[in-house]
Amino acid sequence: MRLDVRLTPKGGRDRIDGLGVLSDGRSVVLARVSTAPEKGAANKALERLVAAWLAIAPSRVAISSGDTARLKTLAIEINEAELLAALEQLAPAS
């Protein structure tokens, strides 16, 4: 599965902040990590954060594009139903 994430490095703590919508209308997961974006450290922290959020092994999460950008696409080894269930928990209650 693929997941778009907007990452805020040096964000004070590691956490998933919810869902957001970009100016082009795409939905993304909003995430922050306390690590600085030096030598891929923030990317590795993001992979670990997403793995913990989804309760899967960190080796099942990898950045497939956006290594040096705030907007990243992650490749995640997870079935669609599990990912959708996790995303639904991030959606604000209506």
C-alpha atoms as a PDB file:
ATOM      1  CA  MET A   1       0.000   0.000   0.000  1.00  0.00           C
ATOM      2  CA  ARG A   2       1.052   3.594  -0.544  1.00  0.00           C
ATOM      3  CA  LEU A   3       0.510   6.405   1.937  1.00  0.00           C
ATOM      4  CA  ASP A   4       1.189  10.128   1.490  1.00  0.00           C
ATOM      5  CA  VAL A   5       2.576  11.863   4.582  1.00  0.00           C
ATOM      6  CA  ARG A   6       3.447  15.491   5.284  1.00  0.00           C
ATOM      7  CA  LEU A   7       6.356  15.405   7.702  1.00  0.00           C
ATOM      8  CA  THR A   8       7.404  18.136  10.105  1.00  0.00           C
ATOM      9  CA  PRO A   9      10.952  17.405  11.303  1.00  0.00           C
ATOM     10  CA  LYS A  10      12.188  18.930  14.576  1.00  0.00           C
ATOM     11  CA  GLY A  11       8.526  18.997  15.613  1.00  0.00           C
ATOM     12  CA  GLY A  12       9.112  18.679  19.338  1.00  0.00           C
ATOM     13  CA  ARG A  13       7.955  15.065  19.649  1.00  0.00           C
ATOM     14  CA  ASP A  14       7.157  12.040  17.536  1.00  0.00           C
ATOM     15  CA  ARG A  15       3.445  11.772  16.769  1.00  0.00           C
ATOM     16  CA  ILE A  16       0.758  11.437  14.140  1.00  0.00           C
ATOM     17  CA  ASP A  17      -1.257  14.666  14.141  1.00  0.00           C
ATOM     18  CA  GLY A  18      -4.198  13.485  12.026  1.00  0.00           C
ATOM     19  CA  LEU A  19      -5.280  13.954   8.452  1.00  0.00           C
ATOM     20  CA  GLY A  20      -4.812  17.013   6.275  1.00  0.00           C
ATOM     21  CA  VAL A  21      -5.703  18.176   2.794  1.00  0.00           C
ATOM     22  CA  LEU A  22      -3.119  19.770   0.525  1.00  0.00           C
ATOM     23  CA  SER A  23      -3.881  22.743  -1.727  1.00  0.00           C
ATOM     24  CA  ASP A  24      -4.243  20.350  -4.677  1.00  0.00           C
ATOM     25  CA  GLY A  25      -6.944  18.402  -2.814  1.00  0.00           C
ATOM     26  CA  ARG A  26      -4.874  15.355  -1.891  1.00  0.00           C
ATOM     27  CA  SER A  27      -5.360  13.877   1.562  1.00  0.00           C
ATOM     28  CA  VAL A  28      -2.258  13.216   3.642  1.00  0.00           C
ATOM     29  CA  VAL A  29      -1.355  11.976   7.078  1.00  0.00           C
ATOM     30  CA  LEU A  30       0.223  14.743   9.139  1.00  0.00           C
ATOM     31  CA  ALA A  31       3.222  13.587  11.149  1.00  0.00           C
ATOM     32  CA  ARG A  32       5.969  15.179  13.206  1.00  0.00           C
ATOM     33  CA  VAL A  33       9.231  13.827  14.529  1.00  0.00           C
ATOM     34  CA  SER A  34      11.649  15.379  16.985  1.00  0.00           C
ATOM     35  CA  THR A  35      14.646  14.416  14.856  1.00  0.00           C
ATOM     36  CA  ALA A  36      16.383  16.927  12.567  1.00  0.00           C
ATOM     37  CA  PRO A  37      16.400  16.183   8.839  1.00  0.00           C
ATOM     38  CA  GLU A  38      20.091  15.329   8.704  1.00  0.00           C
ATOM     39  CA  LYS A  39      21.486  12.278   6.896  1.00  0.00           C
ATOM     40  CA  GLY A  40      18.063  10.640   6.699  1.00  0.00           C
ATOM     41  CA  ALA A  41      17.487  10.597  10.466  1.00  0.00           C
ATOM     42  CA  ALA A  42      14.037  12.215  10.231  1.00  0.00           C
ATOM     43  CA  ASN A  43      13.028   9.764   7.505  1.00  0.00           C
ATOM     44  CA  LYS A  44      14.037   6.799   9.663  1.00  0.00           C
ATOM     45  CA  ALA A  45      12.140   8.297  12.604  1.00  0.00           C
ATOM     46  CA  LEU A  46       9.071   8.670  10.373  1.00  0.00           C
ATOM     47  CA  GLU A  47       9.297   5.031   9.280  1.00  0.00           C
ATOM     48  CA  ARG A  48       9.495   3.915  12.932  1.00  0.00           C
ATOM     49  CA  LEU A  49       6.607   6.228  13.905  1.00  0.00           C
ATOM     50  CA  VAL A  50       4.315   4.955  11.155  1.00  0.00           C
ATOM     51  CA  ALA A  51       5.204   1.346  11.964  1.00  0.00           C
ATOM     52  CA  ALA A  52       4.349   1.901  15.635  1.00  0.00           C
ATOM     53  CA  TRP A  53       1.066   3.624  14.707  1.00  0.00           C
ATOM     54  CA  LEU A  54       0.093   0.704  12.470  1.00  0.00           C
ATOM     55  CA  ALA A  55       1.444  -1.912  14.925  1.00  0.00           C
ATOM     56  CA  ILE A  56       3.714  -3.495  12.322  1.00  0.00           C
ATOM     57  CA  ALA A  57       7.451  -4.099  12.095  1.00  0.00           C
ATOM     58  CA  PRO A  58       9.520  -1.060  11.039  1.00  0.00           C
ATOM     59  CA  SER A  59      10.999  -3.138   8.214  1.00  0.00           C
ATOM     60  CA  ARG A  60       7.536  -3.121   6.586  1.00  0.00           C
ATOM     61  CA  VAL A  61       7.605   0.685   6.104  1.00  0.00           C
ATOM     62  CA  ALA A  62       9.870   2.461   3.597  1.00  0.00           C
ATOM     63  CA  ILE A  63       9.936   5.878   1.972  1.00  0.00           C
ATOM     64  CA  SER A  64       9.378   5.378  -1.742  1.00  0.00           C
ATOM     65  CA  SER A  65       9.541   9.050  -2.768  1.00  0.00           C
ATOM     66  CA  GLY A  66      10.217  12.438  -1.234  1.00  0.00           C
ATOM     67  CA  ASP A  67      13.464  11.663   0.603  1.00  0.00           C
ATOM     68  CA  THR A  68      14.366  15.353   0.892  1.00  0.00           C
ATOM     69  CA  ALA A  69      10.851  16.858   0.756  1.00  0.00           C
ATOM     70  CA  ARG A  70       8.260  17.409   3.459  1.00  0.00           C
ATOM     71  CA  LEU A  71       5.699  15.487   1.394  1.00  0.00           C
ATOM     72  CA  LYS A  72       6.643  11.818   1.295  1.00  0.00           C
ATOM     73  CA  THR A  73       5.110   8.673  -0.116  1.00  0.00           C
ATOM     74  CA  LEU A  74       5.582   5.576   1.986  1.00  0.00           C
ATOM     75  CA  ALA A  75       5.363   1.987   0.796  1.00  0.00           C
ATOM     76  CA  ILE A  76       3.796  -0.066   3.553  1.00  0.00           C
ATOM     77  CA  GLU A  77       3.410  -3.829   3.693  1.00  0.00           C
ATOM     78  CA  ILE A  78      -0.096  -3.971   5.164  1.00  0.00           C
ATOM     79  CA  ASN A  79      -3.469  -5.038   3.866  1.00  0.00           C
ATOM     80  CA  GLU A  80      -5.898  -2.387   2.738  1.00  0.00           C
ATOM     81  CA  ALA A  81      -8.482  -3.053   5.467  1.00  0.00           C
ATOM     82  CA  GLU A  82      -5.925  -2.565   8.256  1.00  0.00           C
ATOM     83  CA  LEU A  83      -4.658   0.683   6.744  1.00  0.00           C
ATOM     84  CA  LEU A  84      -8.167   2.038   6.208  1.00  0.00           C
ATOM     85  CA  ALA A  85      -9.105   1.197   9.804  1.00  0.00           C
ATOM     86  CA  ALA A  86      -6.071   3.115  11.088  1.00  0.00           C
ATOM     87  CA  LEU A  87      -6.894   6.092   8.866  1.00  0.00           C
ATOM     88  CA  GLU A  88     -10.519   6.126  10.041  1.00  0.00           C
ATOM     89  CA  GLN A  89      -9.303   6.529  13.616  1.00  0.00           C
ATOM     90  CA  LEU A  90      -7.480   9.722  12.552  1.00  0.00           C
ATOM     91  CA  ALA A  91     -10.564  11.263  10.955  1.00  0.00           C
ATOM     92  CA  PRO A  92     -12.301  13.857  13.115  1.00  0.00           C
ATOM     93  CA  ALA A  93     -15.646  12.791  14.544  1.00  0.00           C
ATOM     94  CA  SER A  94     -18.531  14.318  12.631  1.00  0.00           C
END
